[in-house]
């Protein structure tokens, strides 16, 4: 299995420097053009749902890094949330996903979910 990390692709180059549009998620978070593209293209709205639900439960952390990583080349994933300084705030195990990549990082800043390039 190829070690495919979405953050390392040129696919997201067009999103550098911010977003022209912002979208409201059902669970209250806001997300950017890059995240909408990611969710539409890679069919991972479930990841947005997870971020939207849990990011509000992590109190006092305005900046959160959400890392989605495949576990041992299986269909299982682990989500690790940090404060950007490698201090783990939360971990979640996903028992099954057909997500294509092995790893992905997105940021949640003051309730807005974005690609790192959009910051």
N, C-alpha and C. Protein backbone atom coordinates (compact mmCIF):
# COMPACT_ATOMS: atom_id res chain seq x y z
N UNK A 1 0.85 -1.18 0.00
CA UNK A 1 0.00 0.00 0.00
C UNK A 1 0.90 1.24 0.00
N UNK A 2 0.60 2.15 -0.90
CA UNK A 2 1.38 3.38 -1.01
C UNK A 2 1.15 4.27 0.21
N UNK A 3 2.20 4.89 0.71
CA UNK A 3 2.09 5.80 1.84
C UNK A 3 1.63 7.16 1.33
N UNK A 4 0.33 7.32 1.18
CA UNK A 4 -0.28 8.49 0.56
C UNK A 4 -0.71 9.48 1.63
N UNK A 5 -0.03 10.63 1.70
CA UNK A 5 -0.35 11.68 2.65
C UNK A 5 -0.91 12.86 1.88
N UNK A 6 -2.15 13.18 2.12
CA UNK A 6 -2.79 14.25 1.36
C UNK A 6 -2.11 15.58 1.52
N UNK A 7 -1.57 15.89 2.68
CA UNK A 7 -0.94 17.19 2.89
C UNK A 7 0.31 17.37 2.02
N UNK A 8 0.84 16.29 1.49
CA UNK A 8 2.05 16.37 0.68
C UNK A 8 1.75 16.43 -0.81
N UNK A 9 0.48 16.51 -1.21
CA UNK A 9 0.15 16.54 -2.62
C UNK A 9 0.08 17.98 -3.12
N UNK A 10 0.24 18.15 -4.41
CA UNK A 10 0.12 19.47 -5.03
C UNK A 10 -1.34 19.84 -5.26
N UNK A 11 -2.20 18.90 -5.02
CA UNK A 11 -3.63 19.07 -5.23
C UNK A 11 -4.20 20.26 -4.46
N UNK A 12 -3.64 20.56 -3.29
CA UNK A 12 -4.18 21.60 -2.44
C UNK A 12 -3.46 22.94 -2.61
N UNK A 13 -2.57 23.02 -3.58
CA UNK A 13 -1.80 24.24 -3.80
C UNK A 13 -2.69 25.46 -4.05
N UNK A 14 -3.82 25.26 -4.69
CA UNK A 14 -4.74 26.34 -5.01
C UNK A 14 -5.39 26.97 -3.79
N UNK A 15 -5.27 26.33 -2.64
CA UNK A 15 -5.92 26.83 -1.44
C UNK A 15 -4.97 27.61 -0.53
N UNK A 16 -3.73 27.82 -0.98
CA UNK A 16 -2.75 28.54 -0.16
C UNK A 16 -3.22 29.97 0.07
N UNK A 17 -3.17 30.40 1.30
CA UNK A 17 -3.44 31.79 1.62
C UNK A 17 -4.85 32.11 2.04
N UNK A 18 -5.69 31.12 2.19
CA UNK A 18 -7.02 31.41 2.70
C UNK A 18 -8.13 30.86 1.84
N UNK A 19 -9.33 31.23 2.21
CA UNK A 19 -10.53 30.72 1.57
C UNK A 19 -11.42 31.89 1.17
N UNK A 20 -12.03 31.80 0.01
CA UNK A 20 -12.97 32.83 -0.43
C UNK A 20 -14.35 32.62 0.17
N UNK A 21 -14.67 31.37 0.48
CA UNK A 21 -15.99 31.03 1.00
C UNK A 21 -15.87 30.27 2.31
N UNK A 22 -16.88 30.39 3.13
CA UNK A 22 -16.95 29.63 4.37
C UNK A 22 -18.31 28.96 4.43
N UNK A 23 -18.33 27.74 4.94
CA UNK A 23 -19.54 26.92 4.98
C UNK A 23 -19.85 26.55 6.41
N UNK A 24 -21.13 26.52 6.74
CA UNK A 24 -21.55 26.15 8.10
C UNK A 24 -21.90 24.67 8.12
N UNK A 25 -21.26 23.96 9.02
CA UNK A 25 -21.53 22.53 9.20
C UNK A 25 -22.78 22.34 10.03
N UNK A 26 -23.46 21.25 9.83
CA UNK A 26 -24.67 20.93 10.57
C UNK A 26 -24.47 21.01 12.08
N UNK A 27 -23.29 20.61 12.56
CA UNK A 27 -23.02 20.59 13.99
C UNK A 27 -22.39 21.88 14.50
N UNK A 28 -22.39 22.94 13.68
CA UNK A 28 -22.00 24.26 14.16
C UNK A 28 -20.65 24.78 13.75
N UNK A 29 -19.74 23.93 13.34
CA UNK A 29 -18.43 24.41 12.92
C UNK A 29 -18.53 25.13 11.58
N UNK A 30 -17.50 25.87 11.27
CA UNK A 30 -17.36 26.53 9.97
C UNK A 30 -16.22 25.81 9.26
N UNK A 31 -16.32 25.67 7.93
CA UNK A 31 -15.20 25.10 7.19
C UNK A 31 -14.96 25.86 5.90
N UNK A 32 -13.77 25.69 5.36
CA UNK A 32 -13.27 26.48 4.25
C UNK A 32 -13.45 25.77 2.90
N UNK A 33 -13.08 26.49 1.83
CA UNK A 33 -13.12 25.91 0.48
C UNK A 33 -12.27 24.65 0.38
N UNK A 34 -11.08 24.70 0.96
CA UNK A 34 -10.18 23.55 0.89
C UNK A 34 -10.77 22.32 1.58
N UNK A 35 -11.40 22.52 2.72
CA UNK A 35 -12.02 21.41 3.44
C UNK A 35 -13.24 20.88 2.68
N UNK A 36 -14.00 21.78 2.06
CA UNK A 36 -15.14 21.35 1.25
C UNK A 36 -14.65 20.50 0.08
N UNK A 37 -13.59 20.95 -0.57
CA UNK A 37 -13.00 20.19 -1.66
C UNK A 37 -12.55 18.81 -1.17
N UNK A 38 -11.86 18.78 -0.05
CA UNK A 38 -11.39 17.52 0.53
C UNK A 38 -12.55 16.57 0.81
N UNK A 39 -13.58 17.07 1.47
CA UNK A 39 -14.72 16.23 1.84
C UNK A 39 -15.48 15.74 0.61
N UNK A 40 -15.65 16.60 -0.38
CA UNK A 40 -16.34 16.21 -1.61
C UNK A 40 -15.54 15.19 -2.41
N UNK A 41 -14.26 15.47 -2.59
CA UNK A 41 -13.41 14.63 -3.43
C UNK A 41 -13.10 13.28 -2.80
N UNK A 42 -12.83 13.27 -1.50
CA UNK A 42 -12.41 12.05 -0.82
C UNK A 42 -13.52 11.44 0.03
N UNK A 43 -14.73 11.98 -0.11
CA UNK A 43 -15.91 11.44 0.57
C UNK A 43 -15.65 11.21 2.06
N UNK A 44 -15.20 12.26 2.73
CA UNK A 44 -14.87 12.13 4.15
C UNK A 44 -15.61 13.16 5.00
N UNK A 45 -16.87 13.36 4.70
CA UNK A 45 -17.67 14.25 5.54
C UNK A 45 -17.77 13.71 6.97
N UNK A 46 -17.60 12.40 7.12
CA UNK A 46 -17.62 11.80 8.46
C UNK A 46 -16.49 12.38 9.32
N UNK A 47 -15.36 12.73 8.69
CA UNK A 47 -14.25 13.33 9.43
C UNK A 47 -14.63 14.74 9.90
N UNK A 48 -15.34 15.49 9.05
CA UNK A 48 -15.84 16.81 9.46
C UNK A 48 -16.84 16.68 10.59
N UNK A 49 -17.71 15.69 10.51
CA UNK A 49 -18.67 15.45 11.60
C UNK A 49 -17.93 15.24 12.91
N UNK A 50 -16.91 14.40 12.87
CA UNK A 50 -16.14 14.09 14.07
C UNK A 50 -15.47 15.33 14.64
N UNK A 51 -14.85 16.11 13.77
CA UNK A 51 -14.19 17.34 14.23
C UNK A 51 -15.21 18.29 14.82
N UNK A 52 -16.34 18.46 14.14
CA UNK A 52 -17.37 19.39 14.60
C UNK A 52 -17.92 18.99 15.97
N UNK A 53 -18.11 17.72 16.17
CA UNK A 53 -18.67 17.24 17.45
C UNK A 53 -17.66 17.40 18.59
N UNK A 54 -16.43 16.95 18.36
CA UNK A 54 -15.45 16.89 19.45
C UNK A 54 -14.67 18.18 19.68
N UNK A 55 -14.51 19.02 18.65
CA UNK A 55 -13.70 20.23 18.84
C UNK A 55 -14.32 21.16 19.88
N UNK A 56 -15.63 21.20 19.94
CA UNK A 56 -16.30 22.05 20.93
C UNK A 56 -16.17 21.50 22.35
N UNK A 57 -15.90 20.22 22.47
CA UNK A 57 -15.76 19.60 23.79
C UNK A 57 -14.37 19.79 24.37
N UNK A 58 -13.42 20.22 23.53
CA UNK A 58 -12.06 20.47 24.00
C UNK A 58 -12.00 21.94 24.38
N UNK A 59 -12.20 22.22 25.61
CA UNK A 59 -12.29 23.60 26.10
C UNK A 59 -10.92 24.24 26.25
N UNK A 60 -10.86 25.52 25.96
CA UNK A 60 -9.64 26.29 26.19
C UNK A 60 -8.57 26.13 25.13
N UNK A 61 -8.86 25.43 24.03
CA UNK A 61 -7.88 25.24 22.96
C UNK A 61 -8.43 25.84 21.68
N UNK A 62 -8.02 27.06 21.38
CA UNK A 62 -8.49 27.74 20.18
C UNK A 62 -7.84 27.20 18.92
N UNK A 63 -6.65 26.60 19.08
CA UNK A 63 -5.92 26.03 17.94
C UNK A 63 -5.78 24.53 18.16
N UNK A 64 -6.31 23.75 17.21
CA UNK A 64 -6.25 22.29 17.32
C UNK A 64 -5.77 21.71 15.99
N UNK A 65 -4.88 20.73 16.08
CA UNK A 65 -4.42 19.98 14.91
C UNK A 65 -5.08 18.61 14.96
N UNK A 66 -5.82 18.28 13.91
CA UNK A 66 -6.52 17.00 13.82
C UNK A 66 -5.78 16.13 12.82
N UNK A 67 -5.19 15.04 13.30
CA UNK A 67 -4.43 14.12 12.48
C UNK A 67 -5.21 12.82 12.33
N UNK A 68 -5.47 12.45 11.09
CA UNK A 68 -6.12 11.18 10.77
C UNK A 68 -5.05 10.28 10.18
N UNK A 69 -4.82 9.12 10.80
CA UNK A 69 -3.74 8.25 10.37
C UNK A 69 -4.19 6.79 10.34
N UNK A 70 -3.88 6.13 9.23
CA UNK A 70 -4.20 4.71 9.07
C UNK A 70 -3.38 3.89 10.07
N UNK A 71 -4.00 2.85 10.63
CA UNK A 71 -3.34 1.98 11.60
C UNK A 71 -2.89 0.70 10.90
N UNK A 72 -1.57 0.51 10.82
CA UNK A 72 -0.98 -0.74 10.34
C UNK A 72 -1.53 -1.24 9.01
N UNK A 73 -1.66 -0.36 8.03
CA UNK A 73 -2.11 -0.73 6.68
C UNK A 73 -3.43 -1.48 6.66
N UNK A 74 -4.34 -1.14 7.57
CA UNK A 74 -5.67 -1.75 7.61
C UNK A 74 -6.70 -0.70 7.23
N UNK A 75 -7.96 -1.01 7.42
CA UNK A 75 -9.03 -0.03 7.18
C UNK A 75 -9.37 0.71 8.47
N UNK A 76 -8.55 0.54 9.49
CA UNK A 76 -8.74 1.25 10.76
C UNK A 76 -7.89 2.51 10.79
N UNK A 77 -8.42 3.53 11.48
CA UNK A 77 -7.71 4.80 11.59
C UNK A 77 -7.70 5.26 13.04
N UNK A 78 -6.75 6.11 13.34
CA UNK A 78 -6.71 6.77 14.64
C UNK A 78 -6.69 8.28 14.38
N UNK A 79 -7.55 8.97 15.10
CA UNK A 79 -7.56 10.43 15.07
C UNK A 79 -6.87 10.91 16.34
N UNK A 80 -5.87 11.75 16.17
CA UNK A 80 -5.18 12.34 17.30
C UNK A 80 -5.32 13.85 17.20
N UNK A 81 -5.76 14.46 18.28
CA UNK A 81 -5.92 15.91 18.33
C UNK A 81 -4.84 16.46 19.25
N UNK A 82 -4.09 17.44 18.73
CA UNK A 82 -3.07 18.09 19.55
C UNK A 82 -3.30 19.60 19.56
N UNK A 83 -2.52 20.26 20.39
CA UNK A 83 -2.61 21.71 20.48
C UNK A 83 -1.64 22.41 19.54
N UNK A 84 -1.02 21.68 18.64
CA UNK A 84 -0.04 22.24 17.73
C UNK A 84 1.38 22.16 18.27
N UNK A 85 1.51 21.85 19.55
CA UNK A 85 2.82 21.68 20.18
C UNK A 85 3.03 20.23 20.62
N UNK A 86 2.33 19.32 19.95
CA UNK A 86 2.42 17.88 20.20
C UNK A 86 1.88 17.44 21.55
N UNK A 87 1.13 18.30 22.22
CA UNK A 87 0.43 17.90 23.44
C UNK A 87 -0.91 17.31 23.04
N UNK A 88 -1.08 16.01 23.30
CA UNK A 88 -2.28 15.30 22.87
C UNK A 88 -3.47 15.73 23.72
N UNK A 89 -4.53 16.15 23.05
CA UNK A 89 -5.76 16.57 23.71
C UNK A 89 -6.82 15.49 23.69
N UNK A 90 -6.82 14.66 22.63
CA UNK A 90 -7.83 13.61 22.49
C UNK A 90 -7.37 12.62 21.44
N UNK A 91 -7.73 11.37 21.61
CA UNK A 91 -7.54 10.35 20.58
C UNK A 91 -8.85 9.61 20.38
N UNK A 92 -9.10 9.25 19.15
CA UNK A 92 -10.31 8.50 18.79
C UNK A 92 -9.90 7.39 17.83
N UNK A 93 -10.41 6.20 18.04
CA UNK A 93 -10.15 5.09 17.13
C UNK A 93 -11.36 4.89 16.22
N UNK A 94 -11.09 4.78 14.92
CA UNK A 94 -12.12 4.56 13.91
C UNK A 94 -11.96 3.11 13.44
N UNK A 95 -12.96 2.29 13.67
CA UNK A 95 -12.83 0.86 13.40
C UNK A 95 -12.86 0.53 11.91
N UNK A 96 -13.48 1.40 11.09
CA UNK A 96 -13.47 1.15 9.64
C UNK A 96 -13.67 2.44 8.89
N UNK A 97 -12.89 2.61 7.83
CA UNK A 97 -13.09 3.68 6.87
C UNK A 97 -12.49 3.27 5.55
N UNK A 98 -13.11 3.71 4.46
CA UNK A 98 -12.54 3.45 3.13
C UNK A 98 -11.78 4.68 2.62
N UNK A 99 -11.37 5.54 3.55
CA UNK A 99 -10.60 6.73 3.21
C UNK A 99 -9.36 6.31 2.44
N UNK A 100 -9.06 7.01 1.35
CA UNK A 100 -8.00 6.58 0.44
C UNK A 100 -6.58 6.86 0.93
N UNK A 101 -6.40 7.93 1.65
CA UNK A 101 -5.05 8.31 2.09
C UNK A 101 -4.68 7.61 3.39
N UNK A 102 -3.39 7.58 3.66
CA UNK A 102 -2.92 6.99 4.91
C UNK A 102 -2.84 8.01 6.04
N UNK A 103 -2.75 9.28 5.67
CA UNK A 103 -2.59 10.30 6.70
C UNK A 103 -3.11 11.64 6.19
N UNK A 104 -3.63 12.43 7.11
CA UNK A 104 -4.14 13.76 6.78
C UNK A 104 -4.10 14.62 8.03
N UNK A 105 -3.68 15.87 7.87
CA UNK A 105 -3.75 16.85 8.96
C UNK A 105 -4.66 17.99 8.54
N UNK A 106 -5.56 18.38 9.40
CA UNK A 106 -6.34 19.60 9.22
C UNK A 106 -6.29 20.38 10.52
N UNK A 107 -6.54 21.66 10.43
CA UNK A 107 -6.51 22.52 11.61
C UNK A 107 -7.91 23.01 11.93
N UNK A 108 -8.18 23.17 13.19
CA UNK A 108 -9.41 23.79 13.66
C UNK A 108 -9.00 24.99 14.50
N UNK A 109 -9.28 26.18 13.97
CA UNK A 109 -8.85 27.42 14.62
C UNK A 109 -10.09 28.24 14.96
N UNK A 110 -10.34 28.42 16.23
CA UNK A 110 -11.51 29.17 16.70
C UNK A 110 -12.80 28.66 16.06
N UNK A 111 -12.92 27.34 15.94
CA UNK A 111 -14.14 26.74 15.41
C UNK A 111 -14.22 26.67 13.90
N UNK A 112 -13.16 27.07 13.19
CA UNK A 112 -13.12 26.99 11.73
C UNK A 112 -12.15 25.90 11.31
N UNK A 113 -12.64 24.94 10.56
CA UNK A 113 -11.84 23.80 10.08
C UNK A 113 -11.21 24.20 8.74
N UNK A 114 -9.89 24.01 8.64
CA UNK A 114 -9.19 24.45 7.42
C UNK A 114 -7.99 23.55 7.13
N UNK A 115 -7.54 23.62 5.88
CA UNK A 115 -6.27 22.99 5.52
C UNK A 115 -5.15 23.84 6.10
N UNK A 116 -4.02 23.24 6.47
CA UNK A 116 -2.91 24.05 6.96
C UNK A 116 -2.49 25.15 5.99
N UNK A 117 -2.59 24.90 4.69
CA UNK A 117 -2.20 25.89 3.70
C UNK A 117 -3.14 27.10 3.68
N UNK A 118 -4.32 26.95 4.24
CA UNK A 118 -5.30 28.05 4.23
C UNK A 118 -5.13 28.99 5.41
N UNK A 119 -4.27 28.67 6.33
CA UNK A 119 -4.11 29.50 7.54
C UNK A 119 -3.45 30.81 7.20
